Amino acid sequence: MSPQVVAVSSSPAHAFTKGVASQIRLLAGLGVEGDAHCGVTVQHRSRVAQDPTQPNLRQVHLIHAELFEELAAQGFEVAPGQIGENITTRHLKLLALPVDSELHIGPSAIVRLTGLRNPCEQLNRFQSGLMAAVLGRTPEGALVRKAGVMGVVVAGGVVRPGDAISVRLPAGPHRMLDRV
């Protein structure tokens, strides 16, 4: 199966959950038009408090729909947009992609991956135990963050459910995604 967009979401408020929409517009260098996290500099409240001049490496949040199925098997009910992502994908191993991978989405949008979403306590306020459910361990004991990836908008455009996604890997050597 080919990678595709399952759902798109945004919120003008700094709310944990984002409303599902029929489309979103990505703005080059900024993020999702009308979303609270849109901007050249960091928009996440905790990061603004640390240093409001930091570049915004978290303009777009993407999650693979397969995570929702994994969570459902553990008794959680999570739907697109509910844990803050802008784009929900399917048939794309987001967590396995290296830093600087480019996702070509729909006819013109390009998102360059910058890192992993670092799960936070807000997940537990949404559903008790959810934070632990989106964290795992490799057989070697390394922490695995499964709550999606973050990226910046390289080329703008409208993104809709059903849009195809293609991946352009960066020149090697590849660096694995880490929290950003």
N, C-alpha and C. Protein backbone atom coordinates (compact mmCIF):
# COMPACT_ATOMS: atom_id res chain seq x y z
N MET A 1 0.84 -1.19 0.00
CA MET A 1 0.00 0.00 0.00
C MET A 1 0.88 1.24 0.00
N SER A 2 0.42 2.27 -0.66
CA SER A 2 1.17 3.52 -0.77
C SER A 2 0.89 4.42 0.42
N PRO A 3 1.91 5.14 0.89
CA PRO A 3 1.70 6.08 1.99
C PRO A 3 0.70 7.17 1.60
N GLN A 4 -0.14 7.51 2.58
CA GLN A 4 -1.13 8.55 2.32
C GLN A 4 -1.53 9.28 3.59
N VAL A 5 -2.19 10.41 3.40
CA VAL A 5 -2.75 11.19 4.49
C VAL A 5 -4.11 10.60 4.85
N VAL A 6 -4.32 10.34 6.14
CA VAL A 6 -5.60 9.82 6.63
C VAL A 6 -6.49 10.97 7.11
N ALA A 7 -5.88 11.93 7.81
CA ALA A 7 -6.64 13.06 8.36
C ALA A 7 -5.70 14.24 8.53
N VAL A 8 -6.29 15.44 8.58
CA VAL A 8 -5.55 16.66 8.87
C VAL A 8 -6.27 17.41 9.98
N SER A 9 -5.50 18.10 10.82
CA SER A 9 -6.07 18.78 11.99
C SER A 9 -5.30 20.05 12.28
N SER A 10 -5.99 21.00 12.91
CA SER A 10 -5.33 22.22 13.36
C SER A 10 -6.16 22.85 14.46
N SER A 11 -5.53 23.80 15.18
CA SER A 11 -6.22 24.52 16.24
C SER A 11 -5.57 25.89 16.39
N PRO A 12 -6.39 26.95 16.40
CA PRO A 12 -5.82 28.29 16.62
C PRO A 12 -5.41 28.52 18.07
N ALA A 13 -5.88 27.67 18.96
CA ALA A 13 -5.57 27.80 20.39
C ALA A 13 -4.49 26.80 20.79
N HIS A 14 -3.78 27.11 21.86
CA HIS A 14 -2.78 26.18 22.40
C HIS A 14 -3.53 25.11 23.19
N ALA A 15 -4.26 24.29 22.48
CA ALA A 15 -5.04 23.20 23.08
C ALA A 15 -4.34 21.88 22.76
N PHE A 16 -4.53 20.90 23.60
CA PHE A 16 -3.90 19.60 23.39
C PHE A 16 -4.47 18.92 22.14
N THR A 17 -5.78 18.94 22.00
CA THR A 17 -6.45 18.31 20.87
C THR A 17 -6.66 19.33 19.76
N LYS A 18 -6.50 18.88 18.53
CA LYS A 18 -6.73 19.73 17.37
C LYS A 18 -7.95 19.21 16.61
N GLY A 19 -8.73 20.12 16.08
CA GLY A 19 -9.94 19.73 15.34
C GLY A 19 -9.60 19.18 13.96
N VAL A 20 -10.28 18.09 13.59
CA VAL A 20 -10.12 17.50 12.27
C VAL A 20 -10.74 18.45 11.25
N ALA A 21 -10.05 18.61 10.12
CA ALA A 21 -10.51 19.53 9.07
C ALA A 21 -10.55 18.80 7.72
N SER A 22 -11.20 19.42 6.75
CA SER A 22 -11.24 18.84 5.41
C SER A 22 -9.93 19.09 4.67
N GLN A 23 -9.20 20.12 5.10
CA GLN A 23 -7.88 20.41 4.53
C GLN A 23 -7.14 21.37 5.45
N ILE A 24 -5.83 21.39 5.31
CA ILE A 24 -5.00 22.40 5.97
C ILE A 24 -4.08 22.98 4.91
N ARG A 25 -3.61 24.19 5.16
CA ARG A 25 -2.65 24.82 4.25
C ARG A 25 -1.32 24.94 4.99
N LEU A 26 -0.27 24.36 4.38
CA LEU A 26 1.07 24.49 4.94
C LEU A 26 1.73 25.71 4.32
N LEU A 27 2.37 26.50 5.17
CA LEU A 27 3.06 27.72 4.75
C LEU A 27 4.56 27.53 4.90
N ALA A 28 5.30 27.72 3.83
CA ALA A 28 6.75 27.51 3.85
C ALA A 28 7.41 28.32 4.95
N GLY A 29 8.22 27.63 5.76
CA GLY A 29 8.97 28.27 6.83
C GLY A 29 8.17 28.62 8.06
N LEU A 30 6.87 28.32 8.06
CA LEU A 30 6.00 28.71 9.18
C LEU A 30 5.26 27.54 9.82
N GLY A 31 4.60 26.71 9.01
CA GLY A 31 3.81 25.62 9.55
C GLY A 31 2.41 25.61 8.98
N VAL A 32 1.44 25.23 9.83
CA VAL A 32 0.05 25.10 9.40
C VAL A 32 -0.66 26.44 9.59
N GLU A 33 -1.18 26.98 8.51
CA GLU A 33 -1.88 28.25 8.56
C GLU A 33 -3.00 28.21 9.60
N GLY A 34 -3.00 29.21 10.49
CA GLY A 34 -4.05 29.31 11.50
C GLY A 34 -3.84 28.44 12.73
N ASP A 35 -2.80 27.62 12.74
CA ASP A 35 -2.53 26.76 13.90
C ASP A 35 -1.70 27.54 14.93
N ALA A 36 -1.94 27.27 16.19
CA ALA A 36 -1.23 27.96 17.27
C ALA A 36 0.28 27.76 17.22
N HIS A 37 0.75 26.70 16.58
CA HIS A 37 2.18 26.41 16.53
C HIS A 37 2.85 26.93 15.26
N CYS A 38 2.13 27.72 14.47
CA CYS A 38 2.66 28.29 13.23
C CYS A 38 3.58 29.46 13.56
N GLY A 39 4.78 29.46 13.01
CA GLY A 39 5.69 30.57 13.22
C GLY A 39 7.13 30.21 12.94
N VAL A 40 7.93 31.22 12.69
CA VAL A 40 9.36 31.03 12.41
C VAL A 40 10.09 30.61 13.67
N THR A 41 9.73 31.24 14.79
CA THR A 41 10.35 30.88 16.07
C THR A 41 9.42 29.95 16.84
N VAL A 42 9.98 29.28 17.82
CA VAL A 42 9.27 28.27 18.60
C VAL A 42 7.95 28.82 19.15
N GLN A 43 6.91 28.00 19.10
CA GLN A 43 5.58 28.40 19.54
C GLN A 43 5.06 27.56 20.71
N HIS A 44 5.69 26.42 20.99
CA HIS A 44 5.27 25.59 22.12
C HIS A 44 5.57 26.32 23.41
N ARG A 45 4.57 26.45 24.26
CA ARG A 45 4.67 27.29 25.46
C ARG A 45 5.90 26.99 26.31
N SER A 46 6.18 25.72 26.57
CA SER A 46 7.32 25.38 27.43
C SER A 46 8.63 25.83 26.79
N ARG A 47 8.72 25.74 25.49
CA ARG A 47 9.95 26.14 24.79
C ARG A 47 10.06 27.65 24.67
N VAL A 48 8.93 28.33 24.53
CA VAL A 48 8.93 29.79 24.52
C VAL A 48 9.44 30.31 25.86
N ALA A 49 9.02 29.65 26.94
CA ALA A 49 9.47 30.06 28.28
C ALA A 49 10.98 29.91 28.44
N GLN A 50 11.57 28.90 27.79
CA GLN A 50 13.02 28.69 27.86
C GLN A 50 13.78 29.71 27.03
N ASP A 51 13.34 29.91 25.78
CA ASP A 51 14.02 30.84 24.87
C ASP A 51 13.12 31.09 23.67
N PRO A 52 12.40 32.23 23.65
CA PRO A 52 11.46 32.50 22.56
C PRO A 52 12.12 32.77 21.21
N THR A 53 13.44 32.87 21.16
CA THR A 53 14.12 33.14 19.90
C THR A 53 14.56 31.86 19.17
N GLN A 54 14.33 30.69 19.78
CA GLN A 54 14.71 29.42 19.14
C GLN A 54 13.97 29.26 17.82
N PRO A 55 14.61 28.66 16.82
CA PRO A 55 13.88 28.38 15.58
C PRO A 55 12.79 27.34 15.85
N ASN A 56 11.70 27.44 15.13
CA ASN A 56 10.58 26.51 15.29
C ASN A 56 10.84 25.25 14.47
N LEU A 57 11.35 24.22 15.12
CA LEU A 57 11.61 22.93 14.47
C LEU A 57 10.41 22.01 14.59
N ARG A 58 9.31 22.53 15.17
CA ARG A 58 8.11 21.73 15.42
C ARG A 58 6.89 22.39 14.76
N GLN A 59 7.04 22.78 13.50
CA GLN A 59 5.97 23.46 12.78
C GLN A 59 4.81 22.53 12.45
N VAL A 60 5.13 21.29 12.15
CA VAL A 60 4.11 20.29 11.76
C VAL A 60 4.37 19.01 12.56
N HIS A 61 3.29 18.47 13.13
CA HIS A 61 3.36 17.23 13.90
C HIS A 61 2.64 16.15 13.10
N LEU A 62 3.31 15.04 12.84
CA LEU A 62 2.74 13.93 12.09
C LEU A 62 2.73 12.67 12.96
N ILE A 63 1.65 11.92 12.86
CA ILE A 63 1.53 10.63 13.57
C ILE A 63 1.02 9.59 12.58
N HIS A 64 1.51 8.39 12.72
CA HIS A 64 1.06 7.26 11.91
C HIS A 64 -0.21 6.67 12.53
N ALA A 65 -1.23 6.45 11.71
CA ALA A 65 -2.52 5.92 12.18
C ALA A 65 -2.35 4.54 12.81
N GLU A 66 -1.33 3.83 12.43
CA GLU A 66 -1.09 2.51 13.00
C GLU A 66 -0.86 2.59 14.52
N LEU A 67 -0.36 3.74 15.00
CA LEU A 67 -0.20 3.93 16.44
C LEU A 67 -1.56 3.86 17.14
N PHE A 68 -2.59 4.44 16.54
CA PHE A 68 -3.92 4.42 17.15
C PHE A 68 -4.43 2.98 17.28
N GLU A 69 -4.12 2.16 16.30
CA GLU A 69 -4.52 0.75 16.34
C GLU A 69 -3.76 0.02 17.44
N GLU A 70 -2.47 0.31 17.58
CA GLU A 70 -1.66 -0.28 18.64
C GLU A 70 -2.21 0.12 20.01
N LEU A 71 -2.57 1.40 20.14
CA LEU A 71 -3.13 1.89 21.41
C LEU A 71 -4.50 1.27 21.68
N ALA A 72 -5.31 1.08 20.65
CA ALA A 72 -6.63 0.46 20.82
C ALA A 72 -6.50 -0.96 21.37
N ALA A 73 -5.47 -1.66 20.94
CA ALA A 73 -5.23 -3.02 21.43
C ALA A 73 -4.89 -3.02 22.92
N GLN A 74 -4.46 -1.85 23.43
CA GLN A 74 -4.14 -1.72 24.85
C GLN A 74 -5.28 -1.07 25.63
N GLY A 75 -6.42 -0.84 24.96
CA GLY A 75 -7.59 -0.30 25.64
C GLY A 75 -7.77 1.21 25.55
N PHE A 76 -6.94 1.88 24.77
CA PHE A 76 -7.07 3.34 24.60
C PHE A 76 -7.89 3.66 23.37
N GLU A 77 -8.62 4.76 23.43
CA GLU A 77 -9.37 5.22 22.27
C GLU A 77 -8.80 6.57 21.85
N VAL A 78 -8.08 6.57 20.73
CA VAL A 78 -7.47 7.78 20.23
C VAL A 78 -7.80 7.90 18.74
N ALA A 79 -8.27 9.07 18.34
CA ALA A 79 -8.62 9.33 16.95
C ALA A 79 -7.75 10.46 16.42
N PRO A 80 -7.71 10.64 15.11
CA PRO A 80 -6.90 11.71 14.52
C PRO A 80 -7.17 13.07 15.17
N GLY A 81 -6.07 13.79 15.41
CA GLY A 81 -6.12 15.12 15.99
C GLY A 81 -6.20 15.16 17.50
N GLN A 82 -6.59 14.06 18.12
CA GLN A 82 -6.83 14.08 19.56
C GLN A 82 -5.57 14.23 20.40
N ILE A 83 -4.41 13.82 19.87
CA ILE A 83 -3.19 14.01 20.68
C ILE A 83 -2.26 15.03 20.02
N GLY A 84 -2.88 15.96 19.29
CA GLY A 84 -2.19 17.16 18.85
C GLY A 84 -1.52 17.14 17.49
N GLU A 85 -1.68 16.07 16.73
CA GLU A 85 -1.00 16.05 15.43
C GLU A 85 -1.77 16.86 14.39
N ASN A 86 -1.02 17.34 13.40
CA ASN A 86 -1.60 18.06 12.27
C ASN A 86 -1.92 17.13 11.11
N ILE A 87 -1.07 16.11 10.92
CA ILE A 87 -1.25 15.19 9.79
C ILE A 87 -1.16 13.76 10.32
N THR A 88 -2.19 12.99 10.03
CA THR A 88 -2.20 11.56 10.38
C THR A 88 -1.94 10.80 9.09
N THR A 89 -0.96 9.90 9.12
CA THR A 89 -0.56 9.16 7.93
C THR A 89 -0.90 7.67 8.07
N ARG A 90 -0.81 6.97 6.97
CA ARG A 90 -0.94 5.51 6.99
C ARG A 90 0.04 4.93 5.97
N HIS A 91 0.56 3.75 6.28
CA HIS A 91 1.50 3.03 5.41
C HIS A 91 2.83 3.77 5.25
N LEU A 92 3.25 4.47 6.30
CA LEU A 92 4.51 5.19 6.28
C LEU A 92 5.17 5.03 7.64
N LYS A 93 6.34 4.41 7.67
CA LYS A 93 7.05 4.18 8.93
C LYS A 93 7.79 5.45 9.33
N LEU A 94 7.04 6.42 9.83
CA LEU A 94 7.58 7.73 10.19
C LEU A 94 8.76 7.64 11.15
N LEU A 95 8.63 6.80 12.17
CA LEU A 95 9.64 6.74 13.23
C LEU A 95 10.98 6.18 12.73
N ALA A 96 10.97 5.48 11.60
CA ALA A 96 12.19 4.87 11.07
C ALA A 96 12.94 5.80 10.11
N LEU A 97 12.34 6.93 9.75
CA LEU A 97 12.97 7.84 8.80
C LEU A 97 14.09 8.63 9.48
N PRO A 98 15.13 8.99 8.72
CA PRO A 98 16.21 9.79 9.30
C PRO A 98 15.88 11.29 9.32
N VAL A 99 16.63 12.03 10.12
CA VAL A 99 16.56 13.48 10.15
C VAL A 99 16.75 14.00 8.72
N ASP A 100 16.01 15.03 8.37
CA ASP A 100 16.07 15.71 7.07
C ASP A 100 15.40 14.94 5.94
N SER A 101 14.70 13.85 6.26
CA SER A 101 13.88 13.21 5.22
C SER A 101 12.82 14.21 4.80
N GLU A 102 12.50 14.23 3.52
CA GLU A 102 11.46 15.13 3.02
C GLU A 102 10.24 14.32 2.64
N LEU A 103 9.10 14.73 3.19
CA LEU A 103 7.83 14.12 2.84
C LEU A 103 7.15 15.03 1.84
N HIS A 104 6.95 14.52 0.63
CA HIS A 104 6.24 15.24 -0.42
C HIS A 104 4.78 14.82 -0.29
N ILE A 105 3.93 15.78 0.08
CA ILE A 105 2.55 15.48 0.43
C ILE A 105 1.61 16.20 -0.54
N GLY A 106 0.74 15.41 -1.19
CA GLY A 106 -0.19 16.00 -2.14
C GLY A 106 0.55 16.62 -3.31
N PRO A 107 -0.11 17.57 -3.97
CA PRO A 107 0.49 18.12 -5.19
C PRO A 107 1.72 18.99 -4.99
N SER A 108 1.89 19.64 -3.82
CA SER A 108 3.00 20.59 -3.73
C SER A 108 3.69 20.71 -2.37
N ALA A 109 3.11 20.25 -1.29
CA ALA A 109 3.68 20.46 0.04
C ALA A 109 4.88 19.55 0.30
N ILE A 110 5.88 20.11 0.98
CA ILE A 110 7.05 19.33 1.39
C ILE A 110 7.34 19.66 2.85
N VAL A 111 7.44 18.60 3.68
CA VAL A 111 7.79 18.74 5.10
C VAL A 111 9.10 18.01 5.32
N ARG A 112 10.09 18.72 5.91
CA ARG A 112 11.38 18.12 6.25
C ARG A 112 11.36 17.74 7.71
N LEU A 113 11.64 16.46 8.00
CA LEU A 113 11.59 15.97 9.38
C LEU A 113 12.78 16.48 10.20
N THR A 114 12.45 16.94 11.41
CA THR A 114 13.48 17.49 12.30
C THR A 114 13.71 16.60 13.53
N GLY A 115 12.70 15.83 13.94
CA GLY A 115 12.89 15.00 15.12
C GLY A 115 11.61 14.35 15.58
N LEU A 116 11.71 13.72 16.75
CA LEU A 116 10.59 13.01 17.36
C LEU A 116 9.84 13.91 18.33
N ARG A 117 8.55 13.70 18.42
CA ARG A 117 7.78 14.37 19.47
C ARG A 117 8.17 13.71 20.78
N ASN A 118 8.44 14.53 21.77
CA ASN A 118 8.75 14.03 23.09
C ASN A 118 7.44 13.95 23.87
N PRO A 119 6.93 12.75 24.16
CA PRO A 119 5.66 12.66 24.88
C PRO A 119 5.71 13.39 26.21
N CYS A 120 4.61 14.01 26.59
CA CYS A 120 4.57 14.76 27.83
C CYS A 120 3.36 14.36 28.67
N GLU A 121 3.29 14.90 29.85
CA GLU A 121 2.25 14.57 30.83
C GLU A 121 0.84 14.88 30.33
N GLN A 122 0.72 15.76 29.35
CA GLN A 122 -0.61 16.06 28.81
C GLN A 122 -1.30 14.81 28.27
N LEU A 123 -0.51 13.85 27.80
CA LEU A 123 -1.09 12.59 27.32
C LEU A 123 -1.87 11.90 28.43
N ASN A 124 -1.33 11.91 29.66
CA ASN A 124 -2.01 11.26 30.78
C ASN A 124 -3.26 12.03 31.21
N ARG A 125 -3.25 13.35 31.01
CA ARG A 125 -4.46 14.12 31.31
C ARG A 125 -5.55 13.81 30.30
N PHE A 126 -5.16 13.47 29.08
CA PHE A 126 -6.12 13.08 28.05
C PHE A 126 -6.70 11.70 28.36
N GLN A 127 -5.84 10.72 28.63
CA GLN A 127 -6.25 9.38 29.04
C GLN A 127 -5.17 8.83 29.96
N SER A 128 -5.56 8.43 31.13
CA SER A 128 -4.63 7.92 32.12
C SER A 128 -3.82 6.75 31.57
N GLY A 129 -2.50 6.85 31.70
CA GLY A 129 -1.61 5.79 31.26
C GLY A 129 -1.15 5.91 29.81
N LEU A 130 -1.66 6.90 29.10
CA LEU A 130 -1.34 7.02 27.67
C LEU A 130 0.13 7.35 27.43
N MET A 131 0.73 8.14 28.31
CA MET A 131 2.14 8.49 28.11
C MET A 131 3.02 7.24 28.10
N ALA A 132 2.81 6.36 29.05
CA ALA A 132 3.59 5.12 29.09
C ALA A 132 3.32 4.26 27.85
N ALA A 133 2.10 4.32 27.34
CA ALA A 133 1.74 3.51 26.18
C ALA A 133 2.42 3.98 24.89
N VAL A 134 2.82 5.25 24.83
CA VAL A 134 3.50 5.74 23.64
C VAL A 134 5.02 5.75 23.81
N LEU A 135 5.48 5.13 24.88
CA LEU A 135 6.91 4.93 25.09
C LEU A 135 7.19 3.44 25.09
N GLY A 136 8.31 3.06 24.57
CA GLY A 136 8.69 1.65 24.58
C GLY A 136 10.19 1.53 24.78
N ARG A 137 10.68 0.32 24.68
CA ARG A 137 12.12 0.04 24.81
C ARG A 137 12.54 -0.92 23.70
N THR A 138 13.73 -0.70 23.19
CA THR A 138 14.31 -1.64 22.25
C THR A 138 14.79 -2.85 23.04
N PRO A 139 15.13 -3.96 22.38
CA PRO A 139 15.68 -5.11 23.11
C PRO A 139 16.94 -4.75 23.90
N GLU A 140 17.65 -3.70 23.45
CA GLU A 140 18.87 -3.26 24.15
C GLU A 140 18.55 -2.31 25.31
N GLY A 141 17.28 -1.92 25.45
CA GLY A 141 16.88 -1.05 26.54
C GLY A 141 16.78 0.43 26.21
N ALA A 142 17.04 0.80 24.97
CA ALA A 142 16.95 2.21 24.57
C ALA A 142 15.48 2.64 24.51
N LEU A 143 15.22 3.89 24.90
CA LEU A 143 13.88 4.45 24.89
C LEU A 143 13.39 4.65 23.46
N VAL A 144 12.14 4.29 23.21
CA VAL A 144 11.51 4.50 21.91
C VAL A 144 10.31 5.43 22.12
N ARG A 145 10.34 6.57 21.44
CA ARG A 145 9.23 7.53 21.49
C ARG A 145 8.36 7.28 20.27
N LYS A 146 7.08 6.95 20.51
CA LYS A 146 6.20 6.58 19.42
C LYS A 146 5.12 7.61 19.12
N ALA A 147 5.18 8.80 19.74
CA ALA A 147 4.11 9.79 19.63
C ALA A 147 4.23 10.69 18.41
N GLY A 148 4.93 10.24 17.39
CA GLY A 148 4.99 10.98 16.14
C GLY A 148 6.29 11.72 15.91
N VAL A 149 6.32 12.40 14.79
CA VAL A 149 7.50 13.14 14.37
C VAL A 149 7.14 14.60 14.14
N MET A 150 8.17 15.44 14.15
CA MET A 150 7.99 16.86 13.93
C MET A 150 8.76 17.26 12.67
N GLY A 151 8.29 18.33 12.03
CA GLY A 151 8.97 18.80 10.85
C GLY A 151 8.74 20.27 10.58
N VAL A 152 9.45 20.75 9.58
CA VAL A 152 9.30 22.13 9.12
C VAL A 152 8.82 22.11 7.68
N VAL A 153 8.11 23.16 7.31
CA VAL A 153 7.55 23.23 5.96
C VAL A 153 8.59 23.83 5.01
N VAL A 154 9.00 23.05 4.02
CA VAL A 154 9.95 23.48 3.01
C VAL A 154 9.21 24.14 1.84
N ALA A 155 8.10 23.54 1.44
CA ALA A 155 7.27 24.07 0.36
C ALA A 155 5.81 23.99 0.80
N GLY A 156 5.10 25.07 0.62
CA GLY A 156 3.71 25.13 1.07
C GLY A 156 2.75 24.45 0.12
N GLY A 157 1.52 24.34 0.57
CA GLY A 157 0.46 23.77 -0.23
C GLY A 157 -0.67 23.26 0.63
N VAL A 158 -1.76 22.94 -0.01
CA VAL A 158 -2.93 22.40 0.66
C VAL A 158 -2.74 20.89 0.82
N VAL A 159 -3.09 20.38 2.01
CA VAL A 159 -3.00 18.95 2.30
C VAL A 159 -4.38 18.48 2.71
N ARG A 160 -4.82 17.37 2.11
CA ARG A 160 -6.15 16.81 2.36
C ARG A 160 -6.06 15.32 2.65
N PRO A 161 -7.04 14.78 3.37
CA PRO A 161 -7.10 13.32 3.51
C PRO A 161 -7.13 12.67 2.13
N GLY A 162 -6.41 11.56 2.01
CA GLY A 162 -6.33 10.86 0.74
C GLY A 162 -5.13 11.25 -0.10
N ASP A 163 -4.47 12.38 0.23
CA ASP A 163 -3.29 12.79 -0.52
C ASP A 163 -2.19 11.75 -0.39
N ALA A 164 -1.48 11.55 -1.48
CA ALA A 164 -0.34 10.64 -1.49
C ALA A 164 0.85 11.29 -0.81
N ILE A 165 1.71 10.46 -0.24
CA ILE A 165 2.95 10.91 0.39
C ILE A 165 4.10 10.12 -0.23
N SER A 166 5.13 10.83 -0.65
CA SER A 166 6.35 10.15 -1.09
C SER A 166 7.49 10.68 -0.23
N VAL A 167 8.52 9.87 -0.09
CA VAL A 167 9.64 10.20 0.79
C VAL A 167 10.90 10.37 -0.05
N ARG A 168 11.63 11.45 0.26
CA ARG A 168 12.96 11.66 -0.31
C ARG A 168 13.94 11.65 0.85
N LEU A 169 14.79 10.62 0.87
CA LEU A 169 15.78 10.50 1.94
C LEU A 169 16.93 11.46 1.71
N PRO A 170 17.53 11.98 2.79
CA PRO A 170 18.68 12.87 2.64
C PRO A 170 19.91 12.08 2.22
N ALA A 171 20.92 12.80 1.74
CA ALA A 171 22.20 12.16 1.44
C ALA A 171 22.77 11.59 2.73
N GLY A 172 23.43 10.48 2.65
CA GLY A 172 24.01 9.84 3.84
C GLY A 172 25.25 10.56 4.31
N PRO A 173 25.78 10.20 5.45
CA PRO A 173 25.21 9.20 6.35
C PRO A 173 23.96 9.74 7.05
N HIS A 174 23.03 8.86 7.32
CA HIS A 174 21.76 9.24 7.94
C HIS A 174 21.89 9.31 9.46
N ARG A 175 21.18 10.29 10.03
CA ARG A 175 21.07 10.42 11.49
C ARG A 175 19.64 10.06 11.87
N MET A 176 19.51 9.17 12.82
CA MET A 176 18.17 8.78 13.27
C MET A 176 17.51 9.94 14.02
N LEU A 177 16.20 9.98 13.93
CA LEU A 177 15.45 11.03 14.62
C LEU A 177 15.63 10.92 16.13
N ASP A 178 15.72 12.06 16.79
CA ASP A 178 15.77 12.14 18.23
C ASP A 178 14.78 13.20 18.64
N ARG A 179 14.49 13.30 19.94
CA ARG A 179 13.50 14.27 20.39
C ARG A 179 13.91 15.69 20.01
N VAL A 180 12.93 16.46 19.68
CA VAL A 180 13.17 17.85 19.29
C VAL A 180 12.14 18.76 19.97
